[in-house]
Amino acid sequence: MPYLYLVLAVAAETIGTSALQASQQFTRLGPSVLVVLGYTVAFYFLSLTLRSLPVGVAYAMWSGLGILLISLIGWVVFGQRLDMPAILGMGLILAGIVVIQLFSNTAHH
């Protein structure tokens, strides 16, 4: 169950952050409301995740997956481009998440 909560937290955070971009610095009401709701839901599900996973592991996965998803949304929805060092760095983040999942006893606490 903690991984389902973590996926829900990442999804809500991704929605909230995407809405933050769309809110145009909180000048648009609809996206601004979505920012607050997205982050509220994200932190709620992250708190449920922390019942079972250590905070460092949960936060590493939450933030890493969030970075990857937000970058993808920035590219697809907002037309933002990434250079090769940014792509390489995100690949390393993804590799770190995979290493935690496959090899860390802490992640399976």
N, C-alpha and C. Protein backbone atom coordinates (compact mmCIF):
# COMPACT_ATOMS: atom_id res chain seq x y z
N MET A 1 0.79 -1.20 0.00
CA MET A 1 0.00 0.00 0.00
C MET A 1 0.84 1.28 0.00
N PRO A 2 2.02 1.29 0.66
CA PRO A 2 2.77 2.55 0.69
C PRO A 2 3.17 3.02 -0.71
N TYR A 3 3.42 2.09 -1.61
CA TYR A 3 3.81 2.51 -2.96
C TYR A 3 2.64 3.07 -3.74
N LEU A 4 1.44 2.58 -3.48
CA LEU A 4 0.25 3.18 -4.09
C LEU A 4 0.08 4.61 -3.58
N TYR A 5 0.23 4.79 -2.29
CA TYR A 5 0.16 6.15 -1.71
C TYR A 5 1.23 7.05 -2.31
N LEU A 6 2.41 6.49 -2.49
CA LEU A 6 3.50 7.29 -3.06
C LEU A 6 3.19 7.70 -4.50
N VAL A 7 2.66 6.79 -5.29
CA VAL A 7 2.28 7.11 -6.67
C VAL A 7 1.20 8.19 -6.69
N LEU A 8 0.23 8.08 -5.79
CA LEU A 8 -0.82 9.11 -5.71
C LEU A 8 -0.23 10.46 -5.30
N ALA A 9 0.73 10.44 -4.37
CA ALA A 9 1.39 11.68 -3.94
C ALA A 9 2.14 12.31 -5.10
N VAL A 10 2.86 11.51 -5.85
CA VAL A 10 3.62 12.02 -7.00
C VAL A 10 2.67 12.58 -8.06
N ALA A 11 1.59 11.87 -8.32
CA ALA A 11 0.62 12.34 -9.31
C ALA A 11 0.01 13.68 -8.89
N ALA A 12 -0.38 13.79 -7.63
CA ALA A 12 -0.97 15.04 -7.15
C ALA A 12 0.04 16.18 -7.17
N GLU A 13 1.28 15.90 -6.80
CA GLU A 13 2.32 16.93 -6.83
C GLU A 13 2.60 17.37 -8.25
N THR A 14 2.57 16.43 -9.17
CA THR A 14 2.80 16.75 -10.58
C THR A 14 1.67 17.64 -11.11
N ILE A 15 0.46 17.33 -10.75
CA ILE A 15 -0.68 18.16 -11.14
C ILE A 15 -0.56 19.55 -10.53
N GLY A 16 -0.21 19.61 -9.24
CA GLY A 16 -0.06 20.90 -8.57
C GLY A 16 1.04 21.75 -9.18
N THR A 17 2.15 21.14 -9.51
CA THR A 17 3.27 21.89 -10.09
C THR A 17 2.95 22.34 -11.51
N SER A 18 2.28 21.49 -12.27
CA SER A 18 1.85 21.89 -13.62
C SER A 18 0.87 23.05 -13.55
N ALA A 19 -0.03 23.00 -12.58
CA ALA A 19 -0.98 24.09 -12.40
C ALA A 19 -0.27 25.36 -11.95
N LEU A 20 0.82 25.22 -11.20
CA LEU A 20 1.59 26.38 -10.77
C LEU A 20 2.12 27.14 -11.99
N GLN A 21 2.63 26.39 -12.97
CA GLN A 21 3.08 27.02 -14.21
C GLN A 21 1.91 27.70 -14.92
N ALA A 22 0.77 27.00 -14.97
CA ALA A 22 -0.40 27.53 -15.68
C ALA A 22 -1.06 28.70 -14.94
N SER A 23 -0.81 28.82 -13.63
CA SER A 23 -1.46 29.89 -12.85
C SER A 23 -0.89 31.26 -13.16
N GLN A 24 0.25 31.29 -13.85
CA GLN A 24 0.92 32.55 -14.18
C GLN A 24 1.11 33.41 -12.92
N GLN A 25 1.87 32.83 -11.99
CA GLN A 25 2.21 33.47 -10.71
C GLN A 25 0.96 33.81 -9.91
N PHE A 26 0.01 32.88 -9.86
CA PHE A 26 -1.23 32.99 -9.10
C PHE A 26 -2.14 34.13 -9.58
N THR A 27 -2.06 34.45 -10.86
CA THR A 27 -2.95 35.48 -11.41
C THR A 27 -4.18 34.87 -12.07
N ARG A 28 -4.23 33.55 -12.20
CA ARG A 28 -5.39 32.87 -12.78
C ARG A 28 -6.00 31.99 -11.69
N LEU A 29 -7.28 32.20 -11.41
CA LEU A 29 -7.93 31.54 -10.28
C LEU A 29 -7.99 30.03 -10.39
N GLY A 30 -8.46 29.49 -11.51
CA GLY A 30 -8.62 28.04 -11.64
C GLY A 30 -7.33 27.27 -11.40
N PRO A 31 -6.27 27.59 -12.12
CA PRO A 31 -5.01 26.89 -11.87
C PRO A 31 -4.46 27.14 -10.46
N SER A 32 -4.71 28.31 -9.91
CA SER A 32 -4.24 28.61 -8.55
C SER A 32 -4.91 27.71 -7.52
N VAL A 33 -6.21 27.49 -7.68
CA VAL A 33 -6.94 26.58 -6.79
C VAL A 33 -6.40 25.16 -6.95
N LEU A 34 -6.11 24.77 -8.19
CA LEU A 34 -5.58 23.43 -8.45
C LEU A 34 -4.20 23.24 -7.82
N VAL A 35 -3.41 24.29 -7.75
CA VAL A 35 -2.10 24.23 -7.08
C VAL A 35 -2.30 23.84 -5.62
N VAL A 36 -3.18 24.57 -4.94
CA VAL A 36 -3.40 24.32 -3.51
C VAL A 36 -3.96 22.91 -3.29
N LEU A 37 -4.94 22.52 -4.09
CA LEU A 37 -5.52 21.18 -3.95
C LEU A 37 -4.49 20.10 -4.26
N GLY A 38 -3.72 20.29 -5.33
CA GLY A 38 -2.72 19.30 -5.70
C GLY A 38 -1.69 19.08 -4.61
N TYR A 39 -1.18 20.17 -4.05
CA TYR A 39 -0.17 20.02 -3.00
C TYR A 39 -0.78 19.48 -1.71
N THR A 40 -2.00 19.83 -1.41
CA THR A 40 -2.66 19.29 -0.22
C THR A 40 -2.80 17.77 -0.33
N VAL A 41 -3.30 17.31 -1.46
CA VAL A 41 -3.44 15.87 -1.69
C VAL A 41 -2.08 15.19 -1.69
N ALA A 42 -1.10 15.82 -2.33
CA ALA A 42 0.25 15.24 -2.39
C ALA A 42 0.83 15.02 -1.00
N PHE A 43 0.75 16.03 -0.15
CA PHE A 43 1.33 15.89 1.19
C PHE A 43 0.53 14.92 2.05
N TYR A 44 -0.77 14.84 1.83
CA TYR A 44 -1.58 13.87 2.57
C TYR A 44 -1.11 12.44 2.23
N PHE A 45 -1.01 12.13 0.94
CA PHE A 45 -0.59 10.79 0.55
C PHE A 45 0.87 10.53 0.90
N LEU A 46 1.71 11.54 0.86
CA LEU A 46 3.09 11.35 1.30
C LEU A 46 3.11 11.01 2.79
N SER A 47 2.26 11.64 3.58
CA SER A 47 2.21 11.34 5.01
C SER A 47 1.78 9.88 5.25
N LEU A 48 0.86 9.37 4.42
CA LEU A 48 0.47 7.97 4.56
C LEU A 48 1.61 7.03 4.17
N THR A 49 2.38 7.44 3.17
CA THR A 49 3.54 6.66 2.74
C THR A 49 4.54 6.52 3.89
N LEU A 50 4.69 7.59 4.67
CA LEU A 50 5.69 7.61 5.74
C LEU A 50 5.34 6.69 6.90
N ARG A 51 4.15 6.12 6.89
CA ARG A 51 3.83 5.11 7.91
C ARG A 51 4.67 3.86 7.72
N SER A 52 5.06 3.60 6.46
CA SER A 52 5.75 2.35 6.15
C SER A 52 7.16 2.52 5.61
N LEU A 53 7.43 3.63 4.96
CA LEU A 53 8.75 3.85 4.36
C LEU A 53 9.51 4.93 5.12
N PRO A 54 10.82 4.78 5.22
CA PRO A 54 11.62 5.84 5.85
C PRO A 54 11.50 7.14 5.05
N VAL A 55 11.53 8.25 5.73
CA VAL A 55 11.31 9.55 5.09
C VAL A 55 12.33 9.82 3.99
N GLY A 56 13.59 9.44 4.18
CA GLY A 56 14.60 9.70 3.16
C GLY A 56 14.34 8.95 1.87
N VAL A 57 13.96 7.69 1.99
CA VAL A 57 13.68 6.87 0.82
C VAL A 57 12.42 7.37 0.13
N ALA A 58 11.36 7.61 0.91
CA ALA A 58 10.10 8.08 0.32
C ALA A 58 10.30 9.42 -0.38
N TYR A 59 11.01 10.33 0.26
CA TYR A 59 11.20 11.65 -0.34
C TYR A 59 12.09 11.58 -1.58
N ALA A 60 13.09 10.72 -1.56
CA ALA A 60 13.96 10.57 -2.73
C ALA A 60 13.14 10.08 -3.92
N MET A 61 12.30 9.11 -3.70
CA MET A 61 11.47 8.59 -4.80
C MET A 61 10.44 9.62 -5.23
N TRP A 62 9.80 10.29 -4.27
CA TRP A 62 8.77 11.29 -4.56
C TRP A 62 9.35 12.44 -5.38
N SER A 63 10.45 12.97 -4.91
CA SER A 63 11.02 14.12 -5.61
C SER A 63 11.63 13.71 -6.95
N GLY A 64 12.29 12.55 -7.00
CA GLY A 64 12.89 12.10 -8.25
C GLY A 64 11.85 11.83 -9.32
N LEU A 65 10.80 11.11 -8.98
CA LEU A 65 9.74 10.85 -9.96
C LEU A 65 9.03 12.15 -10.35
N GLY A 66 8.86 13.04 -9.38
CA GLY A 66 8.24 14.33 -9.68
C GLY A 66 9.06 15.13 -10.68
N ILE A 67 10.37 15.14 -10.51
CA ILE A 67 11.26 15.84 -11.44
C ILE A 67 11.10 15.28 -12.85
N LEU A 68 11.11 13.98 -12.96
CA LEU A 68 10.99 13.36 -14.27
C LEU A 68 9.64 13.67 -14.92
N LEU A 69 8.56 13.54 -14.16
CA LEU A 69 7.23 13.80 -14.72
C LEU A 69 7.03 15.27 -15.08
N ILE A 70 7.48 16.17 -14.21
CA ILE A 70 7.32 17.60 -14.50
C ILE A 70 8.14 17.98 -15.72
N SER A 71 9.31 17.41 -15.87
CA SER A 71 10.12 17.71 -17.06
C SER A 71 9.42 17.23 -18.32
N LEU A 72 8.82 16.06 -18.25
CA LEU A 72 8.07 15.53 -19.39
C LEU A 72 6.87 16.42 -19.72
N ILE A 73 6.14 16.82 -18.70
CA ILE A 73 4.98 17.72 -18.91
C ILE A 73 5.44 19.07 -19.44
N GLY A 74 6.54 19.58 -18.91
CA GLY A 74 7.07 20.85 -19.41
C GLY A 74 7.39 20.78 -20.89
N TRP A 75 7.93 19.65 -21.31
CA TRP A 75 8.27 19.45 -22.72
C TRP A 75 7.02 19.31 -23.58
N VAL A 76 6.09 18.44 -23.17
CA VAL A 76 4.90 18.13 -23.98
C VAL A 76 3.88 19.26 -23.95
N VAL A 77 3.58 19.77 -22.76
CA VAL A 77 2.49 20.75 -22.61
C VAL A 77 2.96 22.18 -22.81
N PHE A 78 4.11 22.52 -22.24
CA PHE A 78 4.56 23.91 -22.24
C PHE A 78 5.65 24.20 -23.27
N GLY A 79 6.06 23.20 -24.03
CA GLY A 79 7.06 23.40 -25.08
C GLY A 79 8.44 23.73 -24.57
N GLN A 80 8.76 23.34 -23.35
CA GLN A 80 10.07 23.61 -22.78
C GLN A 80 11.05 22.54 -23.24
N ARG A 81 12.26 22.93 -23.52
CA ARG A 81 13.29 22.01 -24.02
C ARG A 81 14.36 21.78 -22.94
N LEU A 82 14.95 20.60 -23.01
CA LEU A 82 16.04 20.25 -22.11
C LEU A 82 17.30 19.98 -22.92
N ASP A 83 18.45 20.44 -22.41
CA ASP A 83 19.70 20.14 -23.09
C ASP A 83 20.23 18.79 -22.59
N MET A 84 21.29 18.32 -23.23
CA MET A 84 21.82 17.00 -22.91
C MET A 84 22.27 16.86 -21.45
N PRO A 85 22.94 17.86 -20.84
CA PRO A 85 23.29 17.70 -19.42
C PRO A 85 22.05 17.54 -18.52
N ALA A 86 20.97 18.25 -18.83
CA ALA A 86 19.75 18.11 -18.03
C ALA A 86 19.16 16.71 -18.19
N ILE A 87 19.14 16.21 -19.41
CA ILE A 87 18.62 14.86 -19.66
C ILE A 87 19.49 13.81 -18.97
N LEU A 88 20.80 13.98 -19.05
CA LEU A 88 21.72 13.06 -18.39
C LEU A 88 21.51 13.08 -16.87
N GLY A 89 21.38 14.27 -16.32
CA GLY A 89 21.15 14.38 -14.87
C GLY A 89 19.87 13.70 -14.44
N MET A 90 18.82 13.86 -15.23
CA MET A 90 17.55 13.19 -14.90
C MET A 90 17.66 11.68 -15.06
N GLY A 91 18.46 11.24 -16.01
CA GLY A 91 18.71 9.81 -16.14
C GLY A 91 19.40 9.26 -14.90
N LEU A 92 20.32 10.04 -14.34
CA LEU A 92 20.99 9.63 -13.11
C LEU A 92 20.02 9.58 -11.93
N ILE A 93 19.08 10.51 -11.88
CA ILE A 93 18.05 10.48 -10.84
C ILE A 93 17.23 9.20 -10.96
N LEU A 94 16.81 8.89 -12.18
CA LEU A 94 16.04 7.66 -12.42
C LEU A 94 16.86 6.43 -12.03
N ALA A 95 18.14 6.43 -12.37
CA ALA A 95 19.01 5.32 -11.99
C ALA A 95 19.09 5.19 -10.48
N GLY A 96 19.14 6.30 -9.78
CA GLY A 96 19.17 6.27 -8.32
C GLY A 96 17.91 5.65 -7.73
N ILE A 97 16.76 5.98 -8.30
CA ILE A 97 15.50 5.39 -7.83
C ILE A 97 15.51 3.88 -8.06
N VAL A 98 15.99 3.46 -9.22
CA VAL A 98 16.05 2.03 -9.54
C VAL A 98 16.99 1.32 -8.56
N VAL A 99 18.14 1.91 -8.27
CA VAL A 99 19.09 1.31 -7.33
C VAL A 99 18.45 1.16 -5.95
N ILE A 100 17.75 2.19 -5.50
CA ILE A 100 17.07 2.10 -4.19
C ILE A 100 16.08 0.95 -4.19
N GLN A 101 15.28 0.86 -5.23
CA GLN A 101 14.25 -0.18 -5.29
C GLN A 101 14.83 -1.59 -5.40
N LEU A 102 15.88 -1.74 -6.17
CA LEU A 102 16.41 -3.08 -6.40
C LEU A 102 17.37 -3.56 -5.31
N PHE A 103 18.12 -2.66 -4.71
CA PHE A 103 19.21 -3.10 -3.85
C PHE A 103 19.16 -2.64 -2.40
N SER A 104 18.28 -1.72 -2.06
CA SER A 104 18.27 -1.18 -0.71
C SER A 104 17.31 -1.97 0.19
N ASN A 105 17.84 -2.45 1.30
CA ASN A 105 16.97 -3.08 2.31
C ASN A 105 16.13 -2.03 3.00
N THR A 106 16.60 -0.80 3.04
CA THR A 106 15.86 0.28 3.69
C THR A 106 14.54 0.52 2.99
N ALA A 107 14.50 0.41 1.65
CA ALA A 107 13.28 0.66 0.89
C ALA A 107 12.23 -0.41 1.15
N HIS A 108 12.64 -1.56 1.64
CA HIS A 108 11.71 -2.66 1.86
C HIS A 108 11.55 -2.96 3.34
N HIS A 109 11.55 -1.93 4.10
CA HIS A 109 11.53 -1.96 5.57
C HIS A 109 10.23 -2.46 6.10
